[in-house]
Amino acid sequence: MIRCSLILCGISLVAAAQLRAQVDVERMVDVLAMKETGTRWTGQPGPVGELSAWQITEPVWREHMAPRPFEEARDPALARACAVQHVRWIIAQIARRGQEATPERVATCWHFGPGHARQASRWGADVANLYEERR
């Protein structure tokens, strides 16, 4: 009986730690827009043709929003939907690499690609700070 209680307690602690480690996707999407454009996107494409407050590239759009044309990334609601899907995809990519999906790691992968899941970045740290400030 005591052994079962200890096992259940251990499982509960592990589950609680995993829940704390999870990234709030909606909050992450908000802070990514803040970092990318200050949420004040002017409607002009970014340096390599990115659109929206999230500076979504055409390949990312095609991955998550096909068959909608990339020009629809100008619509804030559709761009946000793409950003949410992309953050979820990044979290899955990080998990496949055996890493914990932290706000800093998700932001680093957003900016540099999922191959950077094991690397720290100033960009990711800045986003992680914004993420924590928005609690």
N, C-alpha and C. Protein backbone atom coordinates (compact mmCIF):
# COMPACT_ATOMS: atom_id res chain seq x y z
N MET A 1 0.82 -1.19 0.00
CA MET A 1 0.00 0.00 0.00
C MET A 1 0.87 1.27 0.00
N ILE A 2 1.86 1.30 0.91
CA ILE A 2 2.75 2.45 0.98
C ILE A 2 3.55 2.57 -0.32
N ARG A 3 3.99 1.42 -0.83
CA ARG A 3 4.77 1.43 -2.08
C ARG A 3 3.93 2.02 -3.22
N CYS A 4 2.67 1.62 -3.34
CA CYS A 4 1.79 2.15 -4.38
C CYS A 4 1.60 3.65 -4.21
N SER A 5 1.45 4.11 -2.96
CA SER A 5 1.29 5.54 -2.71
C SER A 5 2.53 6.31 -3.13
N LEU A 6 3.70 5.77 -2.83
CA LEU A 6 4.94 6.43 -3.22
C LEU A 6 5.09 6.47 -4.74
N ILE A 7 4.72 5.40 -5.41
CA ILE A 7 4.80 5.37 -6.87
C ILE A 7 3.84 6.39 -7.46
N LEU A 8 2.60 6.42 -6.95
CA LEU A 8 1.62 7.39 -7.44
C LEU A 8 2.07 8.82 -7.17
N CYS A 9 2.66 9.04 -6.01
CA CYS A 9 3.19 10.37 -5.68
C CYS A 9 4.29 10.76 -6.66
N GLY A 10 5.18 9.83 -6.95
CA GLY A 10 6.26 10.08 -7.91
C GLY A 10 5.74 10.38 -9.29
N ILE A 11 4.73 9.62 -9.72
CA ILE A 11 4.11 9.86 -11.03
C ILE A 11 3.46 11.24 -11.06
N SER A 12 2.78 11.60 -9.96
CA SER A 12 2.15 12.92 -9.89
C SER A 12 3.17 14.04 -9.97
N LEU A 13 4.30 13.88 -9.30
CA LEU A 13 5.35 14.90 -9.35
C LEU A 13 5.92 15.04 -10.75
N VAL A 14 6.13 13.93 -11.43
CA VAL A 14 6.64 13.97 -12.80
C VAL A 14 5.63 14.66 -13.70
N ALA A 15 4.34 14.29 -13.58
CA ALA A 15 3.30 14.90 -14.40
C ALA A 15 3.21 16.40 -14.13
N ALA A 16 3.32 16.80 -12.87
CA ALA A 16 3.25 18.22 -12.53
C ALA A 16 4.44 18.97 -13.14
N ALA A 17 5.61 18.38 -13.10
CA ALA A 17 6.79 19.02 -13.69
C ALA A 17 6.62 19.17 -15.19
N GLN A 18 6.05 18.15 -15.83
CA GLN A 18 5.83 18.23 -17.27
C GLN A 18 4.82 19.33 -17.60
N LEU A 19 3.77 19.46 -16.79
CA LEU A 19 2.79 20.51 -17.04
C LEU A 19 3.42 21.89 -16.90
N ARG A 20 4.28 22.07 -15.89
CA ARG A 20 4.94 23.36 -15.71
C ARG A 20 5.87 23.67 -16.88
N ALA A 21 6.46 22.63 -17.46
CA ALA A 21 7.42 22.82 -18.53
C ALA A 21 6.75 23.13 -19.86
N GLN A 22 5.47 22.88 -19.96
CA GLN A 22 4.77 23.11 -21.21
C GLN A 22 4.71 24.60 -21.52
N VAL A 23 4.80 24.89 -22.80
CA VAL A 23 4.72 26.27 -23.27
C VAL A 23 3.27 26.60 -23.57
N ASP A 24 2.80 27.74 -23.08
CA ASP A 24 1.47 28.24 -23.40
C ASP A 24 1.54 28.79 -24.83
N VAL A 25 0.97 28.07 -25.76
CA VAL A 25 1.11 28.41 -27.18
C VAL A 25 0.55 29.80 -27.48
N GLU A 26 -0.59 30.13 -26.95
CA GLU A 26 -1.19 31.45 -27.23
C GLU A 26 -0.30 32.58 -26.71
N ARG A 27 0.21 32.42 -25.52
CA ARG A 27 1.11 33.45 -24.97
C ARG A 27 2.40 33.52 -25.78
N MET A 28 2.90 32.35 -26.21
CA MET A 28 4.12 32.32 -27.02
C MET A 28 3.91 33.06 -28.33
N VAL A 29 2.77 32.84 -28.96
CA VAL A 29 2.47 33.52 -30.23
C VAL A 29 2.40 35.04 -30.01
N ASP A 30 1.80 35.46 -28.91
CA ASP A 30 1.74 36.90 -28.60
C ASP A 30 3.13 37.50 -28.49
N VAL A 31 4.01 36.85 -27.73
CA VAL A 31 5.34 37.44 -27.52
C VAL A 31 6.22 37.33 -28.76
N LEU A 32 5.99 36.32 -29.59
CA LEU A 32 6.74 36.25 -30.86
C LEU A 32 6.39 37.45 -31.75
N ALA A 33 5.12 37.82 -31.79
CA ALA A 33 4.72 39.00 -32.56
C ALA A 33 5.34 40.26 -31.97
N MET A 34 5.38 40.33 -30.64
CA MET A 34 6.00 41.50 -30.00
C MET A 34 7.47 41.60 -30.39
N LYS A 35 8.17 40.48 -30.39
CA LYS A 35 9.60 40.50 -30.72
C LYS A 35 9.81 40.76 -32.21
N GLU A 36 9.01 40.15 -33.06
CA GLU A 36 9.19 40.28 -34.50
C GLU A 36 8.90 41.70 -34.99
N THR A 37 7.79 42.27 -34.56
CA THR A 37 7.36 43.56 -35.12
C THR A 37 6.85 44.55 -34.09
N GLY A 38 6.91 44.18 -32.83
CA GLY A 38 6.31 45.05 -31.82
C GLY A 38 4.80 45.07 -31.95
N THR A 39 4.23 44.10 -32.64
CA THR A 39 2.80 43.98 -32.97
C THR A 39 2.29 45.14 -33.81
N ARG A 40 3.20 45.89 -34.39
CA ARG A 40 2.79 47.04 -35.23
C ARG A 40 3.23 46.80 -36.68
N TRP A 41 2.81 45.69 -37.24
CA TRP A 41 3.20 45.40 -38.61
C TRP A 41 2.56 46.42 -39.55
N THR A 42 3.35 46.98 -40.43
CA THR A 42 2.89 48.06 -41.32
C THR A 42 2.23 47.57 -42.60
N GLY A 43 2.26 46.28 -42.84
CA GLY A 43 1.71 45.75 -44.09
C GLY A 43 2.77 45.54 -45.15
N GLN A 44 3.96 46.07 -44.88
CA GLN A 44 5.07 45.90 -45.83
C GLN A 44 5.77 44.57 -45.55
N PRO A 45 6.11 43.83 -46.62
CA PRO A 45 6.85 42.57 -46.41
C PRO A 45 8.21 42.83 -45.75
N GLY A 46 8.67 41.83 -45.01
CA GLY A 46 9.99 41.90 -44.39
C GLY A 46 11.09 41.76 -45.42
N PRO A 47 12.34 41.75 -44.96
CA PRO A 47 13.50 41.73 -45.87
C PRO A 47 13.53 40.54 -46.84
N VAL A 48 12.97 39.40 -46.45
CA VAL A 48 12.95 38.26 -47.37
C VAL A 48 11.50 37.87 -47.71
N GLY A 49 10.62 38.87 -47.69
CA GLY A 49 9.23 38.66 -48.11
C GLY A 49 8.29 38.20 -47.03
N GLU A 50 8.70 38.22 -45.76
CA GLU A 50 7.84 37.77 -44.67
C GLU A 50 6.62 38.68 -44.56
N LEU A 51 5.51 38.08 -44.15
CA LEU A 51 4.28 38.83 -43.96
C LEU A 51 3.76 38.65 -42.54
N SER A 52 3.04 39.63 -42.06
CA SER A 52 2.30 39.64 -40.80
C SER A 52 3.17 40.07 -39.62
N ALA A 53 2.49 40.24 -38.50
CA ALA A 53 3.18 40.61 -37.27
C ALA A 53 4.17 39.53 -36.85
N TRP A 54 3.98 38.31 -37.35
CA TRP A 54 4.87 37.20 -37.00
C TRP A 54 5.97 36.99 -38.04
N GLN A 55 5.97 37.83 -39.07
CA GLN A 55 6.99 37.73 -40.13
C GLN A 55 7.06 36.30 -40.68
N ILE A 56 5.90 35.79 -41.09
CA ILE A 56 5.79 34.43 -41.60
C ILE A 56 6.35 34.37 -43.01
N THR A 57 7.18 33.37 -43.26
CA THR A 57 7.74 33.17 -44.59
C THR A 57 6.80 32.30 -45.43
N GLU A 58 6.98 32.39 -46.72
CA GLU A 58 6.11 31.61 -47.61
C GLU A 58 6.22 30.10 -47.38
N PRO A 59 7.43 29.54 -47.19
CA PRO A 59 7.49 28.09 -46.92
C PRO A 59 6.74 27.68 -45.65
N VAL A 60 6.82 28.49 -44.60
CA VAL A 60 6.09 28.18 -43.36
C VAL A 60 4.59 28.25 -43.63
N TRP A 61 4.15 29.26 -44.36
CA TRP A 61 2.74 29.39 -44.70
C TRP A 61 2.25 28.17 -45.47
N ARG A 62 3.00 27.77 -46.48
CA ARG A 62 2.61 26.62 -47.30
C ARG A 62 2.52 25.34 -46.45
N GLU A 63 3.43 25.21 -45.51
CA GLU A 63 3.45 24.02 -44.65
C GLU A 63 2.17 23.90 -43.82
N HIS A 64 1.68 25.01 -43.32
CA HIS A 64 0.57 24.96 -42.37
C HIS A 64 -0.77 25.44 -42.94
N MET A 65 -0.75 26.22 -44.00
CA MET A 65 -1.99 26.85 -44.46
C MET A 65 -2.39 26.51 -45.90
N ALA A 66 -1.62 25.66 -46.56
CA ALA A 66 -1.98 25.27 -47.94
C ALA A 66 -3.39 24.70 -47.93
N PRO A 67 -4.16 24.97 -48.94
CA PRO A 67 -3.83 25.59 -50.22
C PRO A 67 -4.07 27.09 -50.27
N ARG A 68 -4.26 27.73 -49.13
CA ARG A 68 -4.47 29.18 -49.15
C ARG A 68 -3.24 29.88 -49.72
N PRO A 69 -3.45 30.91 -50.54
CA PRO A 69 -2.30 31.64 -51.09
C PRO A 69 -1.58 32.44 -50.00
N PHE A 70 -0.27 32.59 -50.17
CA PHE A 70 0.57 33.28 -49.20
C PHE A 70 0.09 34.70 -48.92
N GLU A 71 -0.48 35.37 -49.90
CA GLU A 71 -0.97 36.75 -49.70
C GLU A 71 -1.98 36.83 -48.55
N GLU A 72 -2.66 35.73 -48.26
CA GLU A 72 -3.63 35.73 -47.17
C GLU A 72 -2.97 35.84 -45.80
N ALA A 73 -1.65 35.73 -45.76
CA ALA A 73 -0.93 35.93 -44.49
C ALA A 73 -1.04 37.37 -44.04
N ARG A 74 -1.52 38.25 -44.91
CA ARG A 74 -1.75 39.65 -44.52
C ARG A 74 -2.95 39.77 -43.57
N ASP A 75 -3.82 38.78 -43.56
CA ASP A 75 -4.99 38.77 -42.68
C ASP A 75 -4.52 38.38 -41.27
N PRO A 76 -4.66 39.26 -40.30
CA PRO A 76 -4.14 38.98 -38.95
C PRO A 76 -4.66 37.68 -38.33
N ALA A 77 -5.93 37.36 -38.54
CA ALA A 77 -6.49 36.14 -37.95
C ALA A 77 -5.86 34.89 -38.59
N LEU A 78 -5.70 34.91 -39.91
CA LEU A 78 -5.09 33.77 -40.59
C LEU A 78 -3.60 33.66 -40.25
N ALA A 79 -2.94 34.80 -40.16
CA ALA A 79 -1.52 34.79 -39.80
C ALA A 79 -1.33 34.23 -38.40
N ARG A 80 -2.21 34.62 -37.49
CA ARG A 80 -2.12 34.09 -36.12
C ARG A 80 -2.36 32.58 -36.13
N ALA A 81 -3.33 32.12 -36.89
CA ALA A 81 -3.60 30.68 -36.98
C ALA A 81 -2.36 29.94 -37.49
N CYS A 82 -1.68 30.51 -38.46
CA CYS A 82 -0.45 29.91 -38.98
C CYS A 82 0.62 29.91 -37.90
N ALA A 83 0.76 31.01 -37.18
CA ALA A 83 1.77 31.10 -36.12
C ALA A 83 1.50 30.06 -35.03
N VAL A 84 0.25 29.89 -34.65
CA VAL A 84 -0.11 28.89 -33.63
C VAL A 84 0.28 27.49 -34.13
N GLN A 85 -0.08 27.18 -35.36
CA GLN A 85 0.27 25.86 -35.89
C GLN A 85 1.77 25.67 -35.96
N HIS A 86 2.49 26.73 -36.33
CA HIS A 86 3.94 26.61 -36.44
C HIS A 86 4.59 26.43 -35.06
N VAL A 87 4.10 27.12 -34.06
CA VAL A 87 4.64 26.94 -32.70
C VAL A 87 4.39 25.50 -32.24
N ARG A 88 3.21 24.99 -32.50
CA ARG A 88 2.92 23.59 -32.13
C ARG A 88 3.85 22.63 -32.86
N TRP A 89 4.10 22.90 -34.13
CA TRP A 89 5.01 22.07 -34.92
C TRP A 89 6.43 22.14 -34.33
N ILE A 90 6.87 23.35 -33.96
CA ILE A 90 8.20 23.51 -33.36
C ILE A 90 8.30 22.72 -32.07
N ILE A 91 7.28 22.79 -31.23
CA ILE A 91 7.28 22.05 -29.97
C ILE A 91 7.43 20.55 -30.24
N ALA A 92 6.73 20.05 -31.24
CA ALA A 92 6.84 18.63 -31.61
C ALA A 92 8.25 18.30 -32.10
N GLN A 93 8.84 19.20 -32.87
CA GLN A 93 10.20 18.98 -33.37
C GLN A 93 11.21 18.96 -32.23
N ILE A 94 11.04 19.83 -31.27
CA ILE A 94 11.93 19.86 -30.11
C ILE A 94 11.81 18.55 -29.34
N ALA A 95 10.58 18.08 -29.13
CA ALA A 95 10.37 16.82 -28.41
C ALA A 95 11.01 15.66 -29.16
N ARG A 96 10.90 15.65 -30.48
CA ARG A 96 11.52 14.58 -31.27
C ARG A 96 13.04 14.56 -31.11
N ARG A 97 13.60 15.69 -30.79
CA ARG A 97 15.05 15.77 -30.57
C ARG A 97 15.43 15.48 -29.12
N GLY A 98 14.43 15.09 -28.32
CA GLY A 98 14.70 14.73 -26.94
C GLY A 98 14.94 15.90 -26.02
N GLN A 99 14.45 17.07 -26.40
CA GLN A 99 14.65 18.27 -25.60
C GLN A 99 13.33 18.72 -24.97
N GLU A 100 13.44 19.50 -23.92
CA GLU A 100 12.27 20.10 -23.29
C GLU A 100 11.90 21.36 -24.06
N ALA A 101 10.64 21.53 -24.33
CA ALA A 101 10.17 22.72 -25.05
C ALA A 101 10.01 23.88 -24.06
N THR A 102 11.03 24.70 -23.96
CA THR A 102 10.99 25.88 -23.10
C THR A 102 10.68 27.09 -23.98
N PRO A 103 10.22 28.18 -23.40
CA PRO A 103 9.99 29.38 -24.22
C PRO A 103 11.24 29.81 -24.99
N GLU A 104 12.40 29.77 -24.35
CA GLU A 104 13.63 30.17 -25.03
C GLU A 104 13.94 29.25 -26.21
N ARG A 105 13.79 27.97 -26.00
CA ARG A 105 14.09 27.00 -27.06
C ARG A 105 13.09 27.13 -28.21
N VAL A 106 11.80 27.30 -27.89
CA VAL A 106 10.79 27.47 -28.95
C VAL A 106 11.10 28.73 -29.75
N ALA A 107 11.43 29.82 -29.08
CA ALA A 107 11.74 31.07 -29.78
C ALA A 107 12.99 30.94 -30.64
N THR A 108 14.00 30.27 -30.13
CA THR A 108 15.23 30.06 -30.90
C THR A 108 14.92 29.28 -32.17
N CYS A 109 14.11 28.23 -32.03
CA CYS A 109 13.74 27.43 -33.20
C CYS A 109 12.84 28.21 -34.16
N TRP A 110 12.00 29.08 -33.63
CA TRP A 110 11.16 29.93 -34.48
C TRP A 110 12.05 30.80 -35.37
N HIS A 111 13.06 31.37 -34.78
CA HIS A 111 13.91 32.33 -35.49
C HIS A 111 14.98 31.67 -36.36
N PHE A 112 15.58 30.58 -35.85
CA PHE A 112 16.73 29.98 -36.54
C PHE A 112 16.43 28.61 -37.14
N GLY A 113 15.29 28.00 -36.80
CA GLY A 113 14.95 26.67 -37.30
C GLY A 113 15.12 25.61 -36.24
N PRO A 114 14.41 24.48 -36.39
CA PRO A 114 14.42 23.44 -35.36
C PRO A 114 15.78 22.76 -35.18
N GLY A 115 16.66 22.89 -36.13
CA GLY A 115 18.00 22.34 -35.97
C GLY A 115 18.80 23.02 -34.88
N HIS A 116 18.30 24.14 -34.39
CA HIS A 116 18.99 24.89 -33.33
C HIS A 116 18.41 24.61 -31.94
N ALA A 117 17.64 23.53 -31.81
CA ALA A 117 16.96 23.21 -30.54
C ALA A 117 17.93 23.05 -29.37
N ARG A 118 19.14 22.66 -29.64
CA ARG A 118 20.11 22.44 -28.55
C ARG A 118 20.99 23.66 -28.29
N GLN A 119 20.75 24.74 -29.00
CA GLN A 119 21.60 25.92 -28.87
C GLN A 119 20.84 27.07 -28.19
N ALA A 120 21.55 27.81 -27.40
CA ALA A 120 20.98 29.01 -26.79
C ALA A 120 21.15 30.18 -27.76
N SER A 121 20.28 31.16 -27.64
CA SER A 121 20.42 32.36 -28.47
C SER A 121 19.94 33.58 -27.70
N ARG A 122 20.51 34.70 -28.01
CA ARG A 122 20.08 35.96 -27.39
C ARG A 122 18.63 36.25 -27.78
N TRP A 123 18.30 35.97 -29.06
CA TRP A 123 16.94 36.20 -29.55
C TRP A 123 15.95 35.38 -28.73
N GLY A 124 16.27 34.10 -28.53
CA GLY A 124 15.40 33.24 -27.74
C GLY A 124 15.28 33.69 -26.30
N ALA A 125 16.38 34.15 -25.73
CA ALA A 125 16.36 34.64 -24.34
C ALA A 125 15.49 35.89 -24.22
N ASP A 126 15.58 36.77 -25.21
CA ASP A 126 14.74 37.98 -25.20
C ASP A 126 13.25 37.61 -25.22
N VAL A 127 12.90 36.66 -26.08
CA VAL A 127 11.50 36.23 -26.17
C VAL A 127 11.08 35.55 -24.87
N ALA A 128 11.94 34.73 -24.29
CA ALA A 128 11.62 34.06 -23.03
C ALA A 128 11.36 35.08 -21.92
N ASN A 129 12.13 36.16 -21.91
CA ASN A 129 11.89 37.22 -20.92
C ASN A 129 10.53 37.87 -21.13
N LEU A 130 10.18 38.16 -22.38
CA LEU A 130 8.85 38.72 -22.68
C LEU A 130 7.74 37.74 -22.25
N TYR A 131 7.99 36.48 -22.52
CA TYR A 131 7.02 35.42 -22.16
C TYR A 131 6.77 35.43 -20.65
N GLU A 132 7.84 35.49 -19.88
CA GLU A 132 7.70 35.49 -18.41
C GLU A 132 7.03 36.77 -17.91
N GLU A 133 7.31 37.89 -18.55
CA GLU A 133 6.70 39.17 -18.13
C GLU A 133 5.19 39.16 -18.35
N ARG A 134 4.70 38.37 -19.28
CA ARG A 134 3.27 38.35 -19.62
C ARG A 134 2.47 37.34 -18.79
N ARG A 135 3.03 36.82 -17.74
CA ARG A 135 2.30 35.88 -16.87
C ARG A 135 1.10 36.52 -16.26
